[in-house]
Amino acid sequence: MGWDSAPCPVMVADRRGCLVELNAVAASLFPEAGHGSCLRDVVPAWLFEAHQRFAWDAARPDRTDGIPAAGRIGERSFAAHPARSAQDRVVWWLVDDTDRRLAEEALRTERARTAFLARASTTLLASLHVETCMEATARLAVEHLADAAVTVAPTRGRGNPVTFCDPSGEVTHTTVRADPGDVPGLGEALRGLPPVPSRWIDPAALPDWAVPTGLAGPVGSVVVSPLPGHGVPAGALILLRTADRRTFSESEEVLARLFAARAGAAISAARMYADQTAITTTLMRELLPPELHSVHGVEFAGAYRPYSRDDRVGGDFYDVHPGATDEEETLVVLGDVCGKGLEAAVLTGKIRNTLQALLPLAGDHRSILGLLNGALINSQHTRFATLALASVVRRGGTVRLRVTSAGHPAPLLVRADGRVEEADTRGTLVGVFPQITSTTAHLELAPGETCLLFTDGIIEARGGPWGDELFGVDRLMAAVTECAGMPAEAVVDHVQTLAAQWVGGGRHDDMAVVAVTAPHHAHLSAVDGRTRGRYTA
């Protein structure tokens, strides 16, 4: 026959499995095979079983070929294709497909790794909480790479925050006070240095703290990989396999490093977010208006609403600086910086700090405004501001005020009988002209009366039926008529509620309101029965 010229192994066997003929290539593949040999004795079991199936199936007249079989012969992989021959014999063509199968396996492996890394990235980036990211890193590593995993964060305080994940997936967090150098390669990984090969690490050298509880059997293979961060290392990842499993291969170590790079980026981003949040919280605490209360027998209340729900600070602000004693005036400041958002808030912080430094001059409104005006003109900011200053002191049952406006809406006086008056004070903007001009109004509040300071965000709020009508001074004056005799907090709540209802869900400017109210009742108290008393609400 012409089998000898075939480039691949060819064998011919009868239905009983006796070898009838084979070419030279097949003879070199099966050295023990020869004419008359039983296939059961000279070929792998998978090929003999395939022959049995096809030999009896080939007797059917409707069958002309068979389904190929596949398996390994030695270190190679073959596909065996059967064909019917004369005298119910079967011809087996063996095609070496080792390279194809290796390529397919490599492709499947690469697809699985890509899918794992994609899933890991999605899972890790789903949270900006450091501890959650460390937990996800350890759990993902146990699901796909190792029997147990440990994530170690850089030293903070007196130890390293550590997250353990055991084979069951249970995660625990703790702080380890130990020398990272006790784990081979860990100290270098925490400094962001390249990892040492797994084969260089002796599992027996691991300290007890680095091996999670619940690991079945001794550690047989270890990988220590850095967790690269944004500029600084985010920590290190320790992967552990028990001795009954195969050791980490070189390709698996590469996959571990790729995973660690993604985990490190996520942990680093979460840590940066936590640091930024802490800084922002600290700054916000200084930029947000303070909570107001009664000072030296005078009621103070304030409220602030930023222009956007997404921003906590903006261009409106207020402060109350109490006098050292009952006899000294309390300085109230209400301001509005041109603009919105964080940039405007930065300037409000500068103005508030400047006014804090100018408190020794609190008795002279014109001097305060002049010095503040010079500070703004000489700064890098191009924004301007409007201010309303009120110096408040209680004398007997009345409250006396000196009110000065610098480009700001004039305060409103709510009398006990419901009348509403506008304070007679005007002035120029702060931070625009070299010189500032202003007039100061001297006022008195009887018990139950209020002086209302507000920013233009209140009167310029647009709403109404069509959403384009200004709230306006007249509507504000009509609204506060109902506030006669109310406490300061009630006045502020009433004004803020009406303004919010007016704008509805529409856009609006920052809104700030401060109420200064003379309390209804007062009595004279003495500290020890002999010294001069003071009025208290």
Protein backbone atom coordinates (compact mmCIF):
# COMPACT_ATOMS: atom_id res chain seq x y z
CA MET A 1 0.00 0.00 0.00
CA GLY A 2 1.01 3.64 -0.25
CA TRP A 3 0.98 4.36 3.47
CA ASP A 4 4.77 4.61 3.65
CA SER A 5 4.79 7.85 1.70
CA ALA A 6 2.34 9.51 4.12
CA PRO A 7 3.98 12.26 6.24
CA CYS A 8 1.98 11.31 9.30
CA PRO A 9 1.62 8.03 11.23
CA VAL A 10 -0.83 5.60 9.55
CA MET A 11 -2.08 2.30 10.97
CA VAL A 12 -4.45 -0.32 9.56
CA ALA A 13 -6.27 -2.66 11.93
CA ASP A 14 -9.09 -5.16 11.57
CA ARG A 15 -12.34 -5.12 13.52
CA ARG A 16 -10.83 -7.26 16.30
CA GLY A 17 -8.08 -4.71 16.90
CA CYS A 18 -5.23 -6.62 15.32
CA LEU A 19 -2.66 -4.50 13.54
CA VAL A 20 -2.49 -5.36 9.85
CA GLU A 21 -0.16 -2.68 8.56
CA LEU A 22 1.64 0.53 9.65
CA ASN A 23 3.98 2.92 7.94
CA ALA A 24 7.48 3.89 9.05
CA VAL A 25 6.35 7.05 10.85
CA ALA A 26 3.84 5.03 12.90
CA ALA A 27 6.49 2.42 13.64
CA SER A 28 8.79 5.07 15.07
CA LEU A 29 5.90 6.42 17.14
CA PHE A 30 4.97 2.95 18.47
CA PRO A 31 8.25 0.97 18.65
CA GLU A 32 6.54 -2.16 20.02
CA ALA A 33 3.93 -2.29 17.26
CA GLY A 34 4.18 -4.78 14.37
CA HIS A 35 2.13 -6.91 12.05
CA GLY A 36 -0.37 -8.89 14.09
CA SER A 37 0.09 -6.86 17.27
CA CYS A 38 -3.03 -6.12 19.27
CA LEU A 39 -3.78 -2.42 19.45
CA ARG A 40 -4.62 -2.81 23.15
CA ASP A 41 -1.00 -3.60 23.85
CA VAL A 42 0.79 -1.04 21.71
CA VAL A 43 -1.33 2.14 21.57
CA PRO A 44 -2.81 4.38 24.28
CA ALA A 45 -6.16 3.37 25.73
CA TRP A 46 -7.99 6.33 24.15
CA LEU A 47 -6.95 5.22 20.65
CA PHE A 48 -7.85 1.54 21.22
CA GLU A 49 -11.31 2.52 22.57
CA ALA A 50 -11.86 4.78 19.56
CA HIS A 51 -10.97 1.88 17.26
CA GLN A 52 -13.46 -0.42 18.98
CA ARG A 53 -16.25 2.14 18.63
CA PHE A 54 -15.54 2.88 15.00
CA ALA A 55 -14.78 -0.72 13.89
CA TRP A 56 -18.21 -1.96 14.90
CA ASP A 57 -19.91 1.24 13.84
CA ALA A 58 -18.19 1.07 10.44
CA ALA A 59 -20.04 -2.20 9.70
CA ARG A 60 -23.17 -0.16 9.19
CA PRO A 61 -23.67 0.44 5.45
CA ASP A 62 -24.76 4.02 5.99
CA ARG A 63 -21.48 5.03 7.64
CA THR A 64 -18.49 6.01 5.52
CA ASP A 65 -16.30 7.86 8.02
CA GLY A 66 -15.91 8.32 11.73
CA ILE A 67 -15.63 10.98 14.35
CA PRO A 68 -11.98 11.81 15.08
CA ALA A 69 -10.56 10.94 18.46
CA ALA A 70 -7.91 12.94 20.28
CA GLY A 71 -5.40 12.30 23.02
CA ARG A 72 -1.80 12.34 24.07
CA ILE A 73 0.96 10.02 22.91
CA GLY A 74 3.96 10.62 25.05
CA GLU A 75 4.55 14.37 25.29
CA ARG A 76 2.68 15.10 22.06
CA SER A 77 -0.97 15.56 21.26
CA PHE A 78 -2.63 13.79 18.29
CA ALA A 79 -5.95 13.78 16.47
CA ALA A 80 -6.81 10.29 15.13
CA HIS A 81 -8.99 10.25 12.00
CA PRO A 82 -10.55 6.84 11.07
CA ALA A 83 -11.51 5.73 7.57
CA ARG A 84 -13.15 2.51 6.32
CA SER A 85 -10.99 0.16 4.29
CA ALA A 86 -11.53 -3.12 2.50
CA GLN A 87 -12.35 -6.28 4.45
CA ASP A 88 -13.87 -4.26 7.33
CA ARG A 89 -10.51 -2.85 8.18
CA VAL A 90 -9.97 0.64 9.66
CA VAL A 91 -7.25 3.03 8.59
CA TRP A 92 -6.11 5.44 11.32
CA TRP A 93 -4.43 8.67 10.28
CA LEU A 94 -2.69 10.32 13.25
CA VAL A 95 -2.19 14.07 12.93
CA ASP A 96 0.14 15.82 15.38
CA ASP A 97 -1.82 18.86 16.64
CA THR A 98 0.36 19.63 19.65
CA ASP A 99 1.17 23.16 18.52
CA ARG A 100 -2.47 23.95 17.74
CA ARG A 101 -3.66 22.64 21.08
CA LEU A 102 -0.94 24.54 22.92
CA ALA A 103 -1.97 27.70 21.09
CA GLU A 104 -5.63 27.08 21.97
CA GLU A 105 -4.78 26.45 25.61
CA ALA A 106 -2.65 29.59 25.70
CA LEU A 107 -5.50 31.57 24.15
CA ARG A 108 -8.01 30.18 26.66
CA THR A 109 -5.63 30.94 29.49
CA GLU A 110 -5.02 34.46 28.26
CA ARG A 111 -8.74 35.10 27.84
CA ALA A 112 -9.37 33.84 31.37
CA ARG A 113 -6.61 36.05 32.73
CA THR A 114 -7.89 39.08 30.81
CA ALA A 115 -11.41 38.45 32.13
CA PHE A 116 -10.03 38.11 35.67
CA LEU A 117 -8.05 41.33 35.44
CA ALA A 118 -11.03 43.18 33.98
CA ARG A 119 -13.28 41.92 36.75
CA ALA A 120 -10.64 42.76 39.34
CA SER A 121 -10.36 46.33 38.04
CA THR A 122 -14.14 46.78 38.15
CA THR A 123 -14.40 45.34 41.67
CA LEU A 124 -11.45 47.28 43.06
CA LEU A 125 -12.54 50.62 41.58
CA ALA A 126 -16.09 50.21 42.91
CA SER A 127 -15.03 51.59 46.28
CA LEU A 128 -12.92 54.51 47.47
CA HIS A 129 -12.56 53.07 50.96
CA VAL A 130 -9.03 51.86 51.74
CA GLU A 131 -10.02 48.94 53.96
CA THR A 132 -12.62 47.76 51.44
CA CYS A 133 -10.03 47.84 48.63
CA MET A 134 -7.55 45.83 50.71
CA GLU A 135 -10.29 43.33 51.50
CA ALA A 136 -11.28 43.01 47.83
CA THR A 137 -7.63 42.53 46.86
CA ALA A 138 -7.16 39.64 49.28
CA ARG A 139 -10.47 37.99 48.37
CA LEU A 140 -9.89 38.20 44.60
CA ALA A 141 -6.41 36.76 45.04
CA VAL A 142 -7.81 33.74 46.90
CA GLU A 143 -10.53 33.20 44.28
CA HIS A 144 -8.13 33.15 41.31
CA LEU A 145 -4.48 32.94 42.35
CA ALA A 146 -3.76 31.30 45.70
CA ASP A 147 -5.06 29.34 48.69
CA ALA A 148 -4.65 32.34 51.01
CA ALA A 149 -3.62 35.97 50.64
CA VAL A 150 -2.35 38.80 52.81
CA THR A 151 -2.35 42.51 51.92
CA VAL A 152 0.07 44.63 53.92
CA ALA A 153 -0.23 48.41 53.99
CA PRO A 154 2.72 50.76 54.62
CA THR A 155 3.56 51.50 58.24
CA ARG A 156 1.14 53.90 59.94
CA GLY A 157 1.69 54.70 63.58
CA ARG A 158 3.28 51.73 65.32
CA GLY A 159 2.46 48.96 62.86
CA ASN A 160 1.30 47.84 59.44
CA PRO A 161 -2.42 47.49 58.68
CA VAL A 162 -2.86 43.92 57.42
CA THR A 163 -5.80 42.15 55.76
CA PHE A 164 -5.98 38.34 55.73
CA CYS A 165 -8.15 36.13 53.51
CA ASP A 166 -8.21 32.38 54.24
CA PRO A 167 -9.24 29.59 51.83
CA SER A 168 -12.91 29.94 52.85
CA GLY A 169 -12.93 33.59 51.74
CA GLU A 170 -13.27 34.95 55.27
CA VAL A 171 -11.48 38.29 55.65
CA THR A 172 -10.00 39.75 58.83
CA HIS A 173 -8.25 43.07 59.48
CA THR A 174 -5.59 43.76 62.06
CA THR A 175 -2.44 45.76 62.72
CA VAL A 176 0.82 43.84 62.87
CA ARG A 177 3.71 45.21 64.90
CA ALA A 178 6.53 43.19 63.40
CA ASP A 179 9.57 43.68 61.23
CA PRO A 180 8.54 43.36 57.55
CA GLY A 181 12.04 42.06 56.92
CA ASP A 182 10.99 38.81 58.60
CA VAL A 183 9.13 37.92 55.39
CA PRO A 184 11.58 37.47 52.49
CA GLY A 185 11.01 40.23 49.94
CA LEU A 186 8.29 42.03 51.96
CA GLY A 187 10.46 44.93 53.10
CA GLU A 188 11.57 45.54 49.52
CA ALA A 189 7.97 45.28 48.23
CA LEU A 190 6.76 47.85 50.76
CA ARG A 191 9.40 50.22 49.40
CA GLY A 192 8.16 49.62 45.85
CA LEU A 193 11.17 47.58 44.72
CA PRO A 194 10.74 44.79 42.13
CA PRO A 195 9.59 41.43 43.54
CA VAL A 196 11.95 38.56 44.18
CA PRO A 197 11.19 35.30 42.30
CA SER A 198 8.99 32.85 44.16
CA ARG A 199 11.65 30.14 43.99
CA TRP A 200 13.94 32.30 46.13
CA ILE A 201 11.49 32.41 49.03
CA ASP A 202 11.65 29.63 51.60
CA PRO A 203 8.07 29.00 52.84
CA ALA A 204 9.44 27.65 56.11
CA ALA A 205 10.95 31.09 56.82
CA LEU A 206 7.55 32.79 57.04
CA PRO A 207 6.64 34.11 60.51
CA ASP A 208 3.37 32.96 62.05
CA TRP A 209 1.64 36.33 61.56
CA ALA A 210 2.06 36.09 57.76
CA VAL A 211 0.13 32.79 57.49
CA PRO A 212 -3.67 33.12 57.81
CA THR A 213 -5.43 30.68 60.08
CA GLY A 214 -7.49 28.03 58.33
CA LEU A 215 -4.82 27.16 55.77
CA ALA A 216 -4.96 23.36 55.32
CA GLY A 217 -1.44 22.06 55.48
CA PRO A 218 1.98 23.71 55.42
CA VAL A 219 2.84 26.47 52.98
CA GLY A 220 4.56 25.12 49.89
CA SER A 221 4.92 28.19 47.65
CA VAL A 222 4.95 31.96 48.26
CA VAL A 223 4.76 35.04 46.05
CA VAL A 224 5.46 38.52 47.45
CA SER A 225 4.56 41.36 45.10
CA PRO A 226 4.56 45.13 45.59
CA LEU A 227 1.31 47.07 45.27
CA PRO A 228 2.42 50.06 43.18
CA GLY A 229 0.65 53.31 43.99
CA HIS A 230 0.44 56.84 42.61
CA GLY A 231 3.92 58.11 43.33
CA VAL A 232 4.35 56.11 46.55
CA PRO A 233 3.90 52.35 47.18
CA ALA A 234 0.41 51.33 48.29
CA GLY A 235 1.62 48.22 50.13
CA ALA A 236 2.44 44.61 49.33
CA LEU A 237 0.57 41.41 48.47
CA ILE A 238 1.55 37.97 49.82
CA LEU A 239 0.13 34.91 48.01
CA LEU A 240 0.31 31.47 49.63
CA ARG A 241 -0.21 27.94 48.29
CA THR A 242 -0.15 24.77 50.36
CA ALA A 243 2.47 22.10 49.79
CA ASP A 244 0.01 19.71 48.13
CA ARG A 245 -0.52 22.14 45.23
CA ARG A 246 1.87 22.94 42.43
CA THR A 247 4.19 25.86 42.99
CA PHE A 248 3.67 29.20 41.31
CA SER A 249 4.80 29.11 37.71
CA GLU A 250 6.62 31.97 36.07
CA SER A 251 3.50 32.97 34.11
CA GLU A 252 1.42 32.92 37.30
CA GLU A 253 3.91 35.21 38.98
CA VAL A 254 3.54 37.61 36.04
CA LEU A 255 -0.26 37.47 36.43
CA ALA A 256 0.10 38.14 40.15
CA ARG A 257 2.19 41.25 39.40
CA LEU A 258 -0.38 42.50 36.87
CA PHE A 259 -3.16 41.99 39.41
CA ALA A 260 -1.08 43.67 42.12
CA ALA A 261 -0.55 46.70 39.86
CA ARG A 262 -4.32 47.15 39.50
CA ALA A 263 -4.92 46.56 43.19
CA GLY A 264 -2.19 49.02 44.14
CA ALA A 265 -3.66 51.71 41.91
CA ALA A 266 -7.10 51.21 43.47
CA ILE A 267 -5.79 51.24 47.06
CA SER A 268 -3.66 54.28 46.34
CA ALA A 269 -6.64 56.11 44.82
CA ALA A 270 -8.75 55.23 47.87
CA ARG A 271 -6.01 56.45 50.21
CA MET A 272 -5.66 59.70 48.25
CA TYR A 273 -9.44 60.16 48.39
CA ALA A 274 -9.43 59.58 52.16
CA ASP A 275 -6.63 62.13 52.62
CA GLN A 276 -8.38 64.64 50.37
CA THR A 277 -11.64 64.11 52.25
CA ALA A 278 -9.93 64.72 55.58
CA ILE A 279 -8.33 67.91 54.25
CA THR A 280 -11.61 69.06 52.72
CA THR A 281 -13.49 68.38 55.93
CA THR A 282 -10.98 70.43 57.90
CA LEU A 283 -11.13 73.31 55.43
CA MET A 284 -14.92 73.16 55.22
CA ARG A 285 -15.13 73.39 58.98
CA GLU A 286 -13.35 76.74 58.75
CA LEU A 287 -15.23 78.00 55.70
CA LEU A 288 -18.77 77.11 56.74
CA PRO A 289 -20.72 79.77 58.66
CA PRO A 290 -20.79 79.19 62.42
CA GLU A 291 -23.77 78.19 64.50
CA LEU A 292 -25.16 81.27 66.24
CA HIS A 293 -26.70 81.61 69.69
CA SER A 294 -27.47 84.23 72.31
CA VAL A 295 -24.56 86.47 73.25
CA HIS A 296 -24.61 88.91 76.17
CA GLY A 297 -28.40 88.83 76.35
CA VAL A 298 -28.98 89.36 72.60
CA GLU A 299 -30.41 86.66 70.33
CA PHE A 300 -28.46 85.85 67.16
CA ALA A 301 -29.49 83.36 64.51
CA GLY A 302 -28.23 82.67 60.99
CA ALA A 303 -28.81 80.38 58.03
CA TYR A 304 -26.95 79.73 54.82
CA ARG A 305 -28.03 77.96 51.64
CA PRO A 306 -25.45 77.48 48.86
CA TYR A 307 -26.42 77.94 45.25
CA SER A 308 -25.91 74.24 44.49
CA ARG A 309 -26.76 71.10 46.41
CA ASP A 310 -23.36 69.73 45.45
CA ASP A 311 -21.47 72.58 47.15
CA ARG A 312 -21.39 73.19 50.88
CA VAL A 313 -19.64 76.54 50.68
CA GLY A 314 -19.91 79.54 48.40
CA GLY A 315 -19.68 83.31 48.30
CA ASP A 316 -22.03 84.24 51.19
CA PHE A 317 -20.81 84.24 54.78
CA TYR A 318 -21.50 85.61 58.23
CA ASP A 319 -19.72 85.79 61.56
CA VAL A 320 -20.51 87.02 65.05
CA HIS A 321 -17.58 88.26 67.16
CA PRO A 322 -18.74 88.68 70.78
CA GLY A 323 -17.41 91.47 72.91
CA ALA A 324 -15.22 90.50 75.84
CA THR A 325 -17.85 91.70 78.35
CA ASP A 326 -21.51 92.71 78.41
CA GLU A 327 -20.44 96.29 78.12
CA GLU A 328 -18.51 95.79 74.87
CA GLU A 329 -20.16 95.61 71.47
CA THR A 330 -20.58 92.36 69.55
CA LEU A 331 -19.61 92.68 65.89
CA VAL A 332 -21.85 91.01 63.30
CA VAL A 333 -20.55 90.60 59.74
CA LEU A 334 -22.64 89.49 56.78
CA GLY A 335 -20.94 89.40 53.38
CA ASP A 336 -21.38 88.37 49.77
CA VAL A 337 -18.39 87.72 47.51
CA CYS A 338 -18.82 88.05 43.76
CA GLY A 339 -19.05 84.58 42.23
CA LYS A 340 -20.01 81.11 43.40
CA GLY A 341 -18.49 77.85 44.48
CA LEU A 342 -15.07 77.06 45.88
CA GLU A 343 -13.24 80.03 44.31
CA ALA A 344 -15.64 82.44 45.97
CA ALA A 345 -15.37 80.47 49.23
CA VAL A 346 -11.58 80.90 49.23
CA LEU A 347 -12.00 84.67 49.12
CA THR A 348 -14.63 84.58 51.85
CA GLY A 349 -12.08 82.76 54.00
CA LYS A 350 -9.53 85.49 53.36
CA ILE A 351 -12.06 88.23 54.18
CA ARG A 352 -13.13 86.48 57.38
CA ASN A 353 -9.52 86.06 58.50
CA THR A 354 -8.77 89.70 57.71
CA LEU A 355 -11.80 90.87 59.69
CA GLN A 356 -10.72 88.64 62.57
CA ALA A 357 -7.37 90.46 62.59
CA LEU A 358 -9.15 93.84 62.49
CA LEU A 359 -11.34 93.15 65.53
CA PRO A 360 -9.40 95.66 67.69
CA LEU A 361 -10.90 98.29 65.37
CA ALA A 362 -14.42 96.87 65.61
CA GLY A 363 -15.75 100.13 67.03
CA ASP A 364 -14.85 102.03 63.83
CA HIS A 365 -16.73 100.56 60.87
CA ARG A 366 -15.21 102.98 58.38
CA SER A 367 -11.64 102.01 59.36
CA ILE A 368 -12.43 98.30 59.13
CA LEU A 369 -13.97 98.69 55.67
CA GLY A 370 -11.11 100.88 54.47
CA LEU A 371 -8.41 98.43 55.57
CA LEU A 372 -10.31 95.47 54.14
CA ASN A 373 -10.81 97.37 50.87
CA GLY A 374 -7.06 97.98 50.59
CA ALA A 375 -6.29 94.32 51.32
CA LEU A 376 -8.60 93.14 48.52
CA ILE A 377 -7.38 95.67 45.95
CA ASN A 378 -3.76 94.67 46.58
CA SER A 379 -4.45 90.92 46.38
CA GLN A 380 -4.37 88.69 43.30
CA HIS A 381 -8.12 88.25 43.43
CA THR A 382 -10.19 90.20 40.93
CA ARG A 383 -13.44 89.62 42.80
CA PHE A 384 -15.22 92.17 44.97
CA ALA A 385 -17.52 91.84 47.94
CA THR A 386 -20.41 93.55 49.68
CA LEU A 387 -20.59 93.76 53.46
CA ALA A 388 -22.99 94.68 56.20
CA LEU A 389 -21.52 95.38 59.65
CA ALA A 390 -23.54 95.63 62.83
CA SER A 391 -22.13 96.49 66.26
CA VAL A 392 -24.58 95.27 68.89
CA VAL A 393 -24.80 95.95 72.63
CA ARG A 394 -27.56 95.60 75.17
CA ARG A 395 -28.44 98.53 77.36
CA GLY A 396 -31.17 97.83 79.85
CA GLY A 397 -34.13 96.29 78.07
CA THR A 398 -33.18 97.58 74.63
CA VAL A 399 -30.56 96.55 72.09
CA ARG A 400 -28.54 99.26 70.39
CA LEU A 401 -26.98 98.79 66.97
CA ARG A 402 -24.65 100.65 64.67
CA VAL A 403 -25.23 99.29 61.15
CA THR A 404 -23.05 100.04 58.11
CA SER A 405 -23.60 98.82 54.57
CA ALA A 406 -20.84 98.60 51.97
CA GLY A 407 -22.59 97.91 48.67
CA HIS A 408 -24.95 95.59 50.53
CA PRO A 409 -28.77 95.57 50.78
CA ALA A 410 -29.83 97.67 53.74
CA PRO A 411 -30.93 95.63 56.79
CA LEU A 412 -34.62 95.52 57.73
CA LEU A 413 -36.01 96.39 61.14
CA VAL A 414 -39.06 94.40 62.26
CA ARG A 415 -40.85 96.40 64.94
CA ALA A 416 -42.99 94.92 67.68
CA ASP A 417 -46.19 96.23 66.06
CA GLY A 418 -45.39 94.58 62.71
CA ARG A 419 -43.99 97.63 60.96
CA VAL A 420 -40.93 96.99 58.79
CA GLU A 421 -38.35 99.69 58.23
CA GLU A 422 -35.25 99.82 56.08
CA ALA A 423 -32.09 100.94 57.89
CA ASP A 424 -30.71 104.21 56.56
CA THR A 425 -27.25 103.00 55.52
CA ARG A 426 -25.48 102.91 52.17
CA GLY A 427 -21.94 102.37 50.94
CA THR A 428 -19.69 101.41 48.04
CA LEU A 429 -18.46 97.93 47.11
CA VAL A 430 -15.37 96.52 48.84
CA GLY A 431 -12.40 95.74 46.63
CA VAL A 432 -13.31 97.94 43.64
CA PHE A 433 -12.38 101.57 44.27
CA PRO A 434 -9.27 102.91 46.01
CA GLN A 435 -11.45 104.70 48.55
CA ILE A 436 -14.63 103.42 50.09
CA THR A 437 -17.55 105.53 51.30
CA SER A 438 -20.26 104.46 53.71
CA THR A 439 -22.86 105.76 56.14
CA THR A 440 -23.69 104.25 59.51
CA ALA A 441 -27.21 104.01 60.93
CA HIS A 442 -27.79 104.11 64.70
CA LEU A 443 -30.73 101.92 65.71
CA GLU A 444 -32.51 100.62 68.78
CA LEU A 445 -34.51 97.44 69.18
CA ALA A 446 -37.20 97.14 71.81
CA PRO A 447 -37.98 93.70 73.28
CA GLY A 448 -39.32 91.41 70.54
CA GLU A 449 -37.92 93.51 67.68
CA THR A 450 -35.45 92.22 65.11
CA CYS A 451 -32.80 93.58 62.76
CA LEU A 452 -32.60 91.33 59.70
CA LEU A 453 -29.42 91.21 57.61
CA PHE A 454 -29.56 89.32 54.31
CA THR A 455 -27.66 88.85 51.06
CA ASP A 456 -29.01 89.68 47.63
CA GLY A 457 -29.52 85.96 46.98
CA ILE A 458 -32.77 86.34 48.94
CA ILE A 459 -34.27 89.33 47.11
CA GLU A 460 -32.91 88.29 43.69
CA ALA A 461 -34.23 84.73 43.94
CA ARG A 462 -36.30 84.00 40.83
CA GLY A 463 -39.48 82.00 41.08
CA GLY A 464 -43.21 82.48 41.00
CA PRO A 465 -45.63 81.01 38.47
CA TRP A 466 -43.24 81.33 35.52
CA GLY A 467 -39.99 81.01 37.43
CA ASP A 468 -38.61 84.38 36.30
CA GLU A 469 -40.01 86.81 38.89
CA LEU A 470 -37.71 88.29 41.56
CA PHE A 471 -38.59 87.71 45.20
CA GLY A 472 -37.77 91.38 45.77
CA VAL A 473 -37.46 93.68 48.79
CA ASP A 474 -41.19 94.42 48.94
CA ARG A 475 -42.12 90.74 49.13
CA LEU A 476 -39.44 90.23 51.80
CA MET A 477 -40.75 93.15 53.85
CA ALA A 478 -44.28 91.78 53.62
CA ALA A 479 -43.02 88.36 54.71
CA VAL A 480 -41.16 89.58 57.81
CA THR A 481 -44.18 91.60 58.94
CA GLU A 482 -45.47 88.28 60.25
CA CYS A 483 -42.28 87.86 62.30
CA ALA A 484 -43.01 90.60 64.85
CA GLY A 485 -42.22 89.31 68.31
CA MET A 486 -40.67 86.06 67.04
CA PRO A 487 -37.35 84.72 68.35
CA ALA A 488 -34.34 85.18 66.07
CA GLU A 489 -34.27 81.53 64.97
CA ALA A 490 -37.95 81.63 64.00
CA VAL A 491 -37.40 84.76 61.91
CA VAL A 492 -34.51 83.16 60.03
CA ASP A 493 -36.43 79.92 59.45
CA HIS A 494 -39.42 81.86 58.14
CA VAL A 495 -37.37 83.86 55.65
CA GLN A 496 -35.37 80.85 54.43
CA THR A 497 -38.53 78.76 54.01
CA LEU A 498 -40.30 81.42 51.97
CA ALA A 499 -37.28 81.98 49.74
CA ALA A 500 -36.87 78.22 49.19
CA GLN A 501 -40.54 77.85 48.31
CA TRP A 502 -40.27 80.79 45.91
CA VAL A 503 -37.39 79.32 43.88
CA GLY A 504 -38.66 75.74 44.12
CA GLY A 505 -36.29 73.50 42.20
CA GLY A 506 -34.93 76.35 40.08
CA ARG A 507 -31.45 77.83 40.12
CA HIS A 508 -30.60 80.52 42.64
CA ASP A 509 -27.67 82.41 44.12
CA ASP A 510 -26.17 81.76 47.54
CA MET A 511 -28.56 82.85 50.31
CA ALA A 512 -27.58 84.00 53.78
CA VAL A 513 -29.69 85.53 56.57
CA VAL A 514 -28.76 86.79 60.05
CA ALA A 515 -31.30 87.96 62.63
CA VAL A 516 -30.42 90.11 65.67
CA THR A 517 -33.31 90.13 68.14
CA ALA A 518 -33.91 91.87 71.46
CA PRO A 519 -35.44 89.24 73.77
CA HIS A 520 -38.85 89.83 75.28
CA HIS A 521 -37.95 89.40 78.91
CA ALA A 522 -34.86 90.26 80.95
CA HIS A 523 -33.95 90.32 84.58
CA LEU A 524 -31.04 91.69 86.53
CA SER A 525 -28.77 89.07 88.08
CA ALA A 526 -25.91 89.49 90.52
CA VAL A 527 -22.95 87.22 90.81
CA ASP A 528 -22.51 87.37 94.57
CA GLY A 529 -25.21 89.79 95.72
CA ARG A 530 -22.83 92.76 95.92
CA THR A 531 -21.22 93.27 92.49
CA ARG A 532 -22.97 95.06 89.62
CA GLY A 533 -25.46 92.72 87.93
CA ARG A 534 -26.03 92.10 84.24
CA TYR A 535 -29.13 91.66 82.13
CA THR A 536 -29.76 88.11 80.96
CA ALA A 537 -32.50 86.71 78.78
